[in-house]
């Protein structure tokens, strides 16, 4: 009893004198309370929390074929790259925030979390510029293993060796590294050591937005295209966030710009996604702040990649047509012999997936997202944290069944029904009919070409 008493006293005393440790730090949970609001900078595990217990777990109850007589014949997947470093632009924002806090913040009372922030090591560098991190490689290695377990007749060692699985990627390093990691996951799963990694770079499919002149001119390079984002920066909701940060740090309000508030949010998300750390930077914000900052980024995605401007969706026409062309070919090959390709793995960006999902009419809210309707959009469908976290994936699986060819759709390994089609695995022809206007239209050149301006008269 005496030993236990002295041991307890020793532990309590030791904890109380440890330099730099506070109760808040000791008690900080592993997962920040803000994690579900990180949007495009969120972990895949927040969408599928069961993976925290078993990263290779596959819920087979969600993967049943349409009926026992159905046979999977082809898969087309569009996958976002894995977890990455901040871009150079965001590294600069983070550095400015850190410098301001170190030089000017005094906080209130004995805020030890402030000391944790001031002594935090600014380890992000501009040359990281959105490169894939090791966690991002793991995102794709593990996804590859799960998909192979989920659809073993489509993704198998034999099919890999026979070059019946096609790998396509964006030219960006984070996407190339992701597709290599995906292949590495398959090689590890089957202990394949005598094969090279092969992939094709196709930016016309994975970065279609760069090739759409109308999108580049009217949205990408047009400051007014994101006016709702700019208006929200000066909203009462954003002002409230800035004031709270100002009070917590005891830094004048006018120095806490919307960019500074966003940088704190980004820091919390990057530290968590990259290093699985609940950073002291997360203490600067509460959940209501996170909801506001999430909405600011949702507005950007909505107006730049989603439903905000029609050209956002239409720019994805090449990818839309390519997906259906691959499904058509697989269905036709099966009818007249053997399917030549069993799976197509395509790795791109959040900017690849979101326009495509919008073109397919997923996650469309009754009212558009604007700077004024934050309070009425809490239950919106358009929520990028759930739609396009790191390693987000959209998977089409084609089945040959006794009553015809059917198709299943999965987003982030969860089944989805097509809009206005009340069946989990409808006949493929039903889906083609549903999207007939797009299949017979959605002409990329027609949608994206910008007429040349009339030559100006240069005479004086």
Protein backbone atom coordinates (compact mmCIF):
# COMPACT_ATOMS: atom_id res chain seq x y z
CA UNK A 1 0.00 0.00 0.00
CA UNK A 2 2.84 2.35 0.97
CA UNK A 3 4.68 1.59 -2.29
CA UNK A 4 1.57 2.39 -4.30
CA UNK A 5 1.09 5.66 -2.41
CA UNK A 6 4.69 6.80 -3.00
CA UNK A 7 4.54 5.72 -6.63
CA UNK A 8 1.36 7.77 -7.20
CA UNK A 9 2.91 10.81 -5.51
CA UNK A 10 6.05 10.44 -7.60
CA UNK A 11 4.04 10.28 -10.83
CA UNK A 12 1.88 13.27 -9.91
CA UNK A 13 4.92 15.33 -8.90
CA UNK A 14 6.83 14.36 -12.03
CA UNK A 15 3.96 15.31 -14.31
CA UNK A 16 3.48 18.64 -12.61
CA UNK A 17 7.09 19.72 -13.06
CA UNK A 18 7.74 18.48 -16.57
CA UNK A 19 8.76 21.53 -18.59
CA UNK A 20 6.41 22.47 -21.43
CA UNK A 21 3.73 19.90 -20.60
CA UNK A 22 0.30 21.20 -19.79
CA UNK A 23 -2.88 19.49 -18.78
CA UNK A 24 -4.45 20.48 -22.09
CA UNK A 25 -1.57 18.89 -23.96
CA UNK A 26 -1.71 15.71 -21.91
CA UNK A 27 -5.45 15.50 -22.32
CA UNK A 28 -5.50 16.39 -26.02
CA UNK A 29 -7.26 13.61 -27.94
CA UNK A 30 -5.49 11.95 -30.85
CA UNK A 31 -8.03 13.20 -33.39
CA UNK A 32 -8.77 16.96 -33.40
CA UNK A 33 -12.39 17.92 -32.89
CA UNK A 34 -12.04 19.89 -36.14
CA UNK A 35 -11.07 16.86 -38.26
CA UNK A 36 -14.48 16.43 -39.92
CA UNK A 37 -14.30 19.97 -41.33
CA UNK A 38 -10.97 19.79 -43.18
CA UNK A 39 -12.59 19.47 -46.62
CA UNK A 40 -10.12 18.63 -49.38
CA UNK A 41 -7.34 18.52 -46.80
CA UNK A 42 -9.05 15.78 -44.78
CA UNK A 43 -7.85 12.24 -44.18
CA UNK A 44 -9.52 9.33 -45.94
CA UNK A 45 -9.92 7.70 -42.52
CA UNK A 46 -12.42 10.36 -41.42
CA UNK A 47 -14.72 9.16 -44.21
CA UNK A 48 -14.09 5.50 -43.34
CA UNK A 49 -13.27 5.45 -39.59
CA UNK A 50 -13.27 1.62 -39.45
CA UNK A 51 -9.90 1.79 -41.24
CA UNK A 52 -8.37 3.20 -38.05
CA UNK A 53 -8.80 -0.27 -36.50
CA UNK A 54 -7.83 -2.24 -39.61
CA UNK A 55 -6.44 -0.38 -42.61
CA UNK A 56 -7.11 -3.38 -44.90
CA UNK A 57 -10.66 -4.07 -43.71
CA UNK A 58 -13.18 -4.65 -46.50
CA UNK A 59 -16.90 -4.63 -45.75
CA UNK A 60 -18.00 -7.48 -47.99
CA UNK A 61 -21.66 -6.90 -47.20
CA UNK A 62 -21.45 -3.73 -49.30
CA UNK A 63 -19.83 -5.52 -52.23
CA UNK A 64 -22.36 -8.19 -53.11
CA UNK A 65 -22.96 -8.53 -56.88
CA UNK A 66 -26.43 -7.55 -58.14
CA UNK A 67 -27.44 -11.23 -58.01
CA UNK A 68 -25.61 -14.57 -57.57
CA UNK A 69 -25.53 -15.18 -61.34
CA UNK A 70 -23.69 -11.91 -62.06
CA UNK A 71 -20.02 -11.83 -63.01
CA UNK A 72 -17.86 -8.72 -62.70
CA UNK A 73 -16.25 -7.97 -66.07
CA UNK A 74 -14.64 -4.52 -65.75
CA UNK A 75 -13.84 -1.73 -63.33
CA UNK A 76 -13.14 1.92 -64.08
CA UNK A 77 -11.84 3.99 -61.19
CA UNK A 78 -10.95 7.66 -60.84
CA UNK A 79 -8.80 8.24 -57.76
CA UNK A 80 -7.45 11.40 -56.16
CA UNK A 81 -3.77 11.45 -55.18
CA UNK A 82 -2.87 10.67 -51.58
CA UNK A 83 -1.97 12.97 -48.69
CA UNK A 84 0.42 15.72 -49.76
CA UNK A 85 2.50 18.59 -48.42
CA UNK A 86 1.12 22.14 -48.60
CA UNK A 87 1.57 24.05 -51.83
CA UNK A 88 4.13 26.86 -51.93
CA UNK A 89 1.29 29.38 -51.64
CA UNK A 90 0.04 27.83 -48.41
CA UNK A 91 3.53 27.39 -46.97
CA UNK A 92 3.96 31.17 -47.34
CA UNK A 93 0.64 31.79 -45.53
CA UNK A 94 1.68 29.43 -42.72
CA UNK A 95 5.07 31.13 -42.38
CA UNK A 96 3.46 34.59 -42.13
CA UNK A 97 1.11 33.38 -39.40
CA UNK A 98 3.92 31.72 -37.46
CA UNK A 99 6.12 34.83 -37.65
CA UNK A 100 3.24 37.02 -36.42
CA UNK A 101 2.46 34.72 -33.48
CA UNK A 102 6.12 34.43 -32.43
CA UNK A 103 6.69 38.18 -32.56
CA UNK A 104 3.37 39.61 -31.32
CA UNK A 105 1.23 37.05 -29.46
CA UNK A 106 0.96 37.34 -25.70
CA UNK A 107 -2.22 35.38 -25.02
CA UNK A 108 -4.08 35.54 -21.76
CA UNK A 109 -3.30 34.02 -18.36
CA UNK A 110 -0.99 31.02 -18.35
CA UNK A 111 -1.87 29.71 -21.80
CA UNK A 112 0.73 26.96 -22.14
CA UNK A 113 -0.68 26.06 -25.55
CA UNK A 114 0.60 29.44 -26.72
CA UNK A 115 4.09 28.44 -25.60
CA UNK A 116 3.63 25.20 -27.53
CA UNK A 117 2.80 27.22 -30.64
CA UNK A 118 5.67 29.68 -30.20
CA UNK A 119 8.18 26.86 -29.74
CA UNK A 120 6.71 24.81 -32.58
CA UNK A 121 9.20 24.04 -35.33
CA UNK A 122 8.28 25.62 -38.67
CA UNK A 123 9.34 22.65 -40.78
CA UNK A 124 7.37 23.33 -43.96
CA UNK A 125 9.47 24.61 -46.86
CA UNK A 126 8.39 26.15 -50.15
CA UNK A 127 10.06 23.43 -52.22
CA UNK A 128 7.65 20.84 -50.76
CA UNK A 129 5.02 22.41 -53.06
CA UNK A 130 2.25 19.82 -52.86
CA UNK A 131 4.48 16.74 -53.12
CA UNK A 132 3.19 13.39 -51.90
CA UNK A 133 4.13 12.44 -48.33
CA UNK A 134 4.74 8.91 -47.06
CA UNK A 135 1.21 8.81 -45.62
CA UNK A 136 -0.01 9.58 -49.15
CA UNK A 137 1.87 6.59 -50.52
CA UNK A 138 0.32 4.44 -47.83
CA UNK A 139 -3.12 5.82 -48.77
CA UNK A 140 -2.70 4.31 -52.24
CA UNK A 141 -0.87 1.12 -51.24
CA UNK A 142 -3.67 0.24 -48.85
CA UNK A 143 -6.45 1.29 -51.23
CA UNK A 144 -4.94 -0.98 -53.90
CA UNK A 145 -4.91 -3.91 -51.49
CA UNK A 146 -8.52 -3.30 -50.45
CA UNK A 147 -9.77 -2.99 -54.03
CA UNK A 148 -7.96 -6.20 -54.96
CA UNK A 149 -9.68 -7.96 -52.05
CA UNK A 150 -13.01 -6.39 -52.95
CA UNK A 151 -12.89 -7.36 -56.65
CA UNK A 152 -10.47 -10.30 -56.91
CA UNK A 153 -11.69 -11.35 -60.36
CA UNK A 154 -10.84 -7.92 -61.77
CA UNK A 155 -7.66 -7.00 -59.90
CA UNK A 156 -5.49 -10.12 -59.64
CA UNK A 157 -1.85 -11.06 -60.03
CA UNK A 158 -2.59 -12.89 -63.27
CA UNK A 159 -4.34 -9.85 -64.75
CA UNK A 160 -1.50 -7.60 -63.62
CA UNK A 161 1.11 -9.84 -65.26
CA UNK A 162 -0.97 -10.12 -68.43
CA UNK A 163 -1.17 -6.30 -68.65
CA UNK A 164 -4.95 -6.41 -68.36
CA UNK A 165 -4.97 -3.66 -65.72
CA UNK A 166 -4.33 -0.21 -67.17
CA UNK A 167 -2.81 2.60 -65.11
CA UNK A 168 -3.27 6.25 -66.14
CA UNK A 169 -2.18 9.34 -64.24
CA UNK A 170 -1.92 13.11 -64.29
CA UNK A 171 1.57 14.41 -65.00
CA UNK A 172 1.83 16.02 -61.55
CA UNK A 173 4.44 14.37 -59.32
CA UNK A 174 1.94 13.69 -56.52
CA UNK A 175 -0.25 11.73 -58.94
CA UNK A 176 2.62 9.83 -60.58
CA UNK A 177 3.92 8.90 -57.12
CA UNK A 178 0.41 7.85 -56.07
CA UNK A 179 -0.09 5.50 -59.02
CA UNK A 180 3.33 3.97 -58.37
CA UNK A 181 2.36 3.47 -54.72
CA UNK A 182 -0.92 1.85 -55.85
CA UNK A 183 1.06 -0.59 -57.98
CA UNK A 184 3.48 -1.16 -55.13
CA UNK A 185 0.53 -2.12 -52.93
CA UNK A 186 -0.48 -4.80 -55.44
CA UNK A 187 3.10 -6.06 -55.73
CA UNK A 188 3.33 -6.32 -51.95
CA UNK A 189 -0.02 -8.10 -51.73
CA UNK A 190 1.11 -10.81 -54.14
CA UNK A 191 4.86 -10.64 -53.39
CA UNK A 192 5.58 -9.66 -56.98
CA UNK A 193 9.28 -8.83 -57.38
CA UNK A 194 10.01 -9.35 -61.07
CA UNK A 195 7.79 -6.69 -62.68
CA UNK A 196 8.29 -3.05 -63.56
CA UNK A 197 5.67 -0.41 -62.79
CA UNK A 198 3.99 0.81 -65.98
CA UNK A 199 1.65 3.75 -66.32
CA UNK A 200 0.51 6.28 -68.91
CA UNK A 201 0.37 10.03 -68.40
CA UNK A 202 -2.77 11.60 -69.85
CA UNK A 203 -3.50 15.15 -68.80
CA UNK A 204 -6.32 15.46 -71.33
CA UNK A 205 -8.25 13.07 -69.04
CA UNK A 206 -6.82 13.76 -65.59
CA UNK A 207 -6.26 17.52 -65.95
CA UNK A 208 -8.98 18.34 -68.50
CA UNK A 209 -9.50 21.70 -66.80
CA UNK A 210 -6.10 22.92 -68.00
CA UNK A 211 -7.14 22.23 -71.59
CA UNK A 212 -10.56 23.90 -71.39
CA UNK A 213 -9.96 27.42 -72.66
CA UNK A 214 -13.37 28.70 -71.59
CA UNK A 215 -12.84 27.42 -68.03
CA UNK A 216 -9.36 28.94 -67.80
CA UNK A 217 -10.56 32.29 -69.14
CA UNK A 218 -13.93 32.62 -67.39
CA UNK A 219 -13.19 30.89 -64.06
CA UNK A 220 -9.52 30.07 -63.40
CA UNK A 221 -8.19 33.50 -64.41
CA UNK A 222 -11.33 35.51 -63.66
CA UNK A 223 -11.33 37.09 -60.20
CA UNK A 224 -15.07 37.75 -60.29
CA UNK A 225 -15.80 34.03 -60.73
CA UNK A 226 -15.15 33.53 -57.00
CA UNK A 227 -16.92 36.66 -55.77
CA UNK A 228 -18.94 34.60 -53.25
CA UNK A 229 -15.68 33.52 -51.61
CA UNK A 230 -14.46 37.12 -51.39
CA UNK A 231 -17.78 38.27 -49.97
CA UNK A 232 -17.70 35.54 -47.33
CA UNK A 233 -14.22 36.65 -46.23
CA UNK A 234 -15.77 39.90 -45.00
CA UNK A 235 -18.90 38.27 -43.56
CA UNK A 236 -20.05 38.49 -39.94
CA UNK A 237 -19.21 34.80 -39.51
CA UNK A 238 -15.60 35.28 -40.64
CA UNK A 239 -15.28 38.43 -38.54
CA UNK A 240 -16.33 36.44 -35.47
CA UNK A 241 -13.61 33.84 -36.14
CA UNK A 242 -10.98 36.54 -36.57
CA UNK A 243 -12.04 38.26 -33.34
CA UNK A 244 -11.80 35.03 -31.37
CA UNK A 245 -8.31 34.33 -32.70
CA UNK A 246 -7.33 37.94 -31.98
CA UNK A 247 -8.52 37.62 -28.38
CA UNK A 248 -6.84 34.26 -27.82
CA UNK A 249 -3.51 35.52 -29.11
CA UNK A 250 -3.88 39.13 -27.86
CA UNK A 251 -2.94 40.34 -31.32
CA UNK A 252 -4.80 43.34 -32.83
CA UNK A 253 -7.82 42.27 -34.84
CA UNK A 254 -6.69 44.04 -38.02
CA UNK A 255 -3.59 41.82 -38.14
CA UNK A 256 -5.65 38.64 -38.10
CA UNK A 257 -6.70 38.63 -41.73
CA UNK A 258 -8.96 35.95 -43.24
CA UNK A 259 -5.78 34.42 -44.71
CA UNK A 260 -4.24 34.24 -41.23
CA UNK A 261 -7.32 32.50 -39.83
CA UNK A 262 -7.26 30.08 -42.75
CA UNK A 263 -3.54 29.41 -42.25
CA UNK A 264 -4.21 28.30 -38.65
CA UNK A 265 -6.92 25.95 -39.93
CA UNK A 266 -4.59 24.61 -42.63
CA UNK A 267 -1.82 24.06 -40.10
CA UNK A 268 -4.11 22.01 -37.90
CA UNK A 269 -5.19 19.93 -40.91
CA UNK A 270 -1.71 19.41 -42.39
CA UNK A 271 -0.13 18.42 -39.09
CA UNK A 272 -2.91 15.89 -38.57
CA UNK A 273 -3.07 14.48 -42.11
CA UNK A 274 0.69 14.26 -42.59
CA UNK A 275 1.92 13.34 -39.10
CA UNK A 276 -1.27 12.15 -37.34
CA UNK A 277 -0.67 14.83 -34.72
CA UNK A 278 -3.29 16.89 -32.92
CA UNK A 279 -1.25 20.06 -33.15
CA UNK A 280 -1.41 22.90 -30.61
CA UNK A 281 -2.41 25.06 -33.58
CA UNK A 282 -5.78 23.30 -33.39
CA UNK A 283 -6.30 25.00 -30.00
CA UNK A 284 -6.63 28.35 -31.74
CA UNK A 285 -9.96 27.26 -33.20
CA UNK A 286 -13.15 25.61 -31.99
CA UNK A 287 -15.74 23.65 -33.95
CA UNK A 288 -17.85 26.69 -34.78
CA UNK A 289 -14.73 28.37 -36.23
CA UNK A 290 -13.98 25.22 -38.22
CA UNK A 291 -17.49 25.20 -39.69
CA UNK A 292 -17.01 28.76 -40.94
CA UNK A 293 -13.57 28.07 -42.41
CA UNK A 294 -14.83 24.84 -43.96
CA UNK A 295 -17.65 26.77 -45.62
CA UNK A 296 -15.24 29.33 -47.00
CA UNK A 297 -13.36 26.52 -48.73
CA UNK A 298 -16.62 24.84 -49.81
CA UNK A 299 -17.57 28.07 -51.57
CA UNK A 300 -14.28 27.98 -53.45
CA UNK A 301 -14.79 24.37 -54.54
CA UNK A 302 -18.43 24.96 -55.42
CA UNK A 303 -17.78 28.00 -57.60
CA UNK A 304 -14.49 26.84 -59.10
CA UNK A 305 -15.04 23.09 -59.54
CA UNK A 306 -18.68 22.31 -58.80
CA UNK A 307 -22.09 23.68 -59.68
CA UNK A 308 -21.23 27.39 -59.43
CA UNK A 309 -20.44 27.79 -63.14
CA UNK A 310 -21.71 25.44 -65.83
CA UNK A 311 -18.31 25.21 -67.53
CA UNK A 312 -16.83 23.65 -64.37
CA UNK A 313 -18.90 20.53 -64.97
CA UNK A 314 -18.72 20.59 -68.74
CA UNK A 315 -14.92 20.72 -68.69
CA UNK A 316 -14.99 17.08 -67.52
CA UNK A 317 -16.70 15.88 -70.72
CA UNK A 318 -13.55 14.05 -71.97
CA UNK A 319 -13.30 11.99 -68.79
CA UNK A 320 -17.04 11.31 -68.78
CA UNK A 321 -16.94 10.02 -72.36
CA UNK A 322 -13.78 8.00 -71.71
CA UNK A 323 -15.38 6.20 -68.75
CA UNK A 324 -18.43 5.19 -70.77
CA UNK A 325 -16.28 4.23 -73.75
CA UNK A 326 -14.35 1.82 -71.52
CA UNK A 327 -17.56 0.38 -70.06
CA UNK A 328 -19.05 0.05 -73.57
CA UNK A 329 -15.94 -1.76 -74.81
CA UNK A 330 -15.91 -4.17 -71.86
CA UNK A 331 -19.59 -5.00 -72.38
CA UNK A 332 -19.00 -5.49 -76.11
CA UNK A 333 -15.82 -7.57 -75.62
CA UNK A 334 -17.63 -9.86 -73.20
CA UNK A 335 -20.47 -10.35 -75.64
CA UNK A 336 -18.12 -11.42 -78.43
CA UNK A 337 -15.35 -13.11 -76.49
CA UNK A 338 -13.03 -12.15 -73.64
CA UNK A 339 -12.70 -8.75 -71.98
CA UNK A 340 -9.24 -7.47 -72.87
CA UNK A 341 -8.89 -5.09 -69.90
CA UNK A 342 -10.33 -6.01 -66.50
CA UNK A 343 -9.60 -2.73 -64.69
CA UNK A 344 -8.67 0.87 -65.43
CA UNK A 345 -6.98 2.75 -62.58
CA UNK A 346 -6.84 6.51 -63.18
CA UNK A 347 -5.16 8.86 -60.71
CA UNK A 348 -5.86 12.58 -60.74
CA UNK A 349 -6.89 15.39 -58.44
CA UNK A 350 -9.79 16.62 -56.37
CA UNK A 351 -10.22 19.00 -59.31
CA UNK A 352 -10.61 15.92 -61.52
CA UNK A 353 -13.27 14.23 -59.40
CA UNK A 354 -15.44 17.16 -58.35
CA UNK A 355 -16.38 18.41 -61.84
CA UNK A 356 -17.09 14.83 -62.92
CA UNK A 357 -19.35 14.17 -59.91
CA UNK A 358 -21.12 17.46 -60.64
CA UNK A 359 -21.56 16.53 -64.30
CA UNK A 360 -23.13 13.25 -63.12
CA UNK A 361 -25.46 15.35 -60.89
CA UNK A 362 -24.28 14.07 -57.50
CA UNK A 363 -24.40 16.19 -54.32
CA UNK A 364 -26.50 18.94 -55.85
CA UNK A 365 -28.32 21.06 -53.28
CA UNK A 366 -31.62 22.74 -53.91
CA UNK A 367 -30.10 26.17 -53.41
CA UNK A 368 -26.63 27.25 -54.51
CA UNK A 369 -23.97 27.93 -51.90
CA UNK A 370 -23.52 31.67 -51.41
CA UNK A 371 -21.85 34.04 -48.97
CA UNK A 372 -25.23 34.81 -47.41
CA UNK A 373 -26.66 31.35 -46.73
CA UNK A 374 -24.06 29.77 -44.46
CA UNK A 375 -26.59 29.28 -41.65
CA UNK A 376 -29.07 27.46 -43.88
CA UNK A 377 -26.48 25.17 -45.48
CA UNK A 378 -25.43 23.12 -42.45
CA UNK A 379 -27.14 20.03 -43.87
CA UNK A 380 -25.92 20.52 -47.44
CA UNK A 381 -25.08 17.58 -49.68
CA UNK A 382 -22.08 19.37 -51.18
CA UNK A 383 -19.50 18.63 -48.45
CA UNK A 384 -16.00 18.04 -49.74
CA UNK A 385 -14.81 16.45 -46.47
CA UNK A 386 -17.03 13.49 -47.32
CA UNK A 387 -16.69 13.64 -51.11
CA UNK A 388 -13.03 14.30 -51.96
CA UNK A 389 -10.64 13.72 -49.04
CA UNK A 390 -7.12 12.58 -49.91
CA UNK A 391 -7.25 9.33 -51.95
CA UNK A 392 -10.97 9.80 -52.70
CA UNK A 393 -12.13 7.32 -55.33
CA UNK A 394 -15.05 6.85 -57.70
CA UNK A 395 -15.40 3.27 -58.94
CA UNK A 396 -17.69 1.91 -61.67
CA UNK A 397 -18.06 -1.91 -61.73
CA UNK A 398 -19.67 -3.57 -64.72
CA UNK A 399 -21.41 -6.96 -64.33
CA UNK A 400 -22.65 -9.47 -66.86
CA UNK A 401 -25.91 -10.89 -65.47
CA UNK A 402 -28.57 -13.25 -66.81
CA UNK A 403 -30.90 -10.30 -67.42
CA UNK A 404 -28.27 -8.09 -69.03
CA UNK A 405 -25.29 -5.92 -68.18
CA UNK A 406 -25.55 -4.06 -64.88
CA UNK A 407 -23.39 -1.43 -63.22
CA UNK A 408 -22.56 -0.57 -59.62
CA UNK A 409 -21.08 2.70 -58.44
CA UNK A 410 -18.94 3.28 -55.34
CA UNK A 411 -17.63 6.50 -53.85
CA UNK A 412 -14.87 6.07 -51.28
CA UNK A 413 -15.70 2.35 -51.15
CA UNK A 414 -19.36 2.97 -50.33
CA UNK A 415 -22.16 2.10 -52.78
CA UNK A 416 -24.03 5.00 -54.37
CA UNK A 417 -27.19 5.10 -56.44
CA UNK A 418 -27.28 7.14 -59.62
CA UNK A 419 -29.47 10.26 -59.45
CA UNK A 420 -33.11 9.50 -60.25
CA UNK A 421 -32.41 5.76 -60.62
CA UNK A 422 -33.88 3.77 -57.76
CA UNK A 423 -31.66 0.68 -57.98
CA UNK A 424 -28.29 -0.13 -56.42
CA UNK A 425 -27.13 -1.90 -59.60
CA UNK A 426 -29.28 -0.77 -62.54
CA UNK A 427 -29.06 -2.15 -66.03
CA UNK A 428 -26.23 -0.44 -67.87
CA UNK A 429 -28.61 0.61 -70.63
CA UNK A 430 -30.76 2.37 -68.02
CA UNK A 431 -27.75 4.40 -66.92
CA UNK A 432 -26.79 5.17 -70.52
CA UNK A 433 -30.34 6.32 -71.20
CA UNK A 434 -30.29 8.50 -68.08
CA UNK A 435 -27.14 10.24 -69.33
CA UNK A 436 -28.10 10.14 -73.02
CA UNK A 437 -27.98 13.92 -73.44
CA UNK A 438 -24.41 13.98 -72.19
CA UNK A 439 -23.43 10.87 -74.14
CA UNK A 440 -24.72 12.39 -77.38
CA UNK A 441 -23.59 15.90 -76.50
CA UNK A 442 -21.10 17.25 -73.99
CA UNK A 443 -18.70 18.10 -76.79
CA UNK A 444 -15.45 19.29 -75.24
CA UNK A 445 -14.46 21.52 -78.15
CA UNK A 446 -17.90 23.09 -78.37
CA UNK A 447 -18.03 23.72 -74.61
CA UNK A 448 -14.44 24.83 -74.13
CA UNK A 449 -13.35 26.70 -77.26
CA UNK A 450 -13.41 30.46 -76.94
CA UNK A 451 -14.07 32.36 -80.21
CA UNK A 452 -11.09 34.40 -81.31
CA UNK A 453 -11.66 38.10 -80.75
CA UNK A 454 -11.94 40.24 -83.81
CA UNK A 455 -8.60 41.69 -84.77
CA UNK A 456 -8.29 45.19 -83.42
CA UNK A 457 -7.90 48.05 -85.85
CA UNK A 458 -4.40 49.32 -85.20
CA UNK A 459 -4.81 52.44 -87.39
CA UNK A 460 -4.59 55.76 -85.55
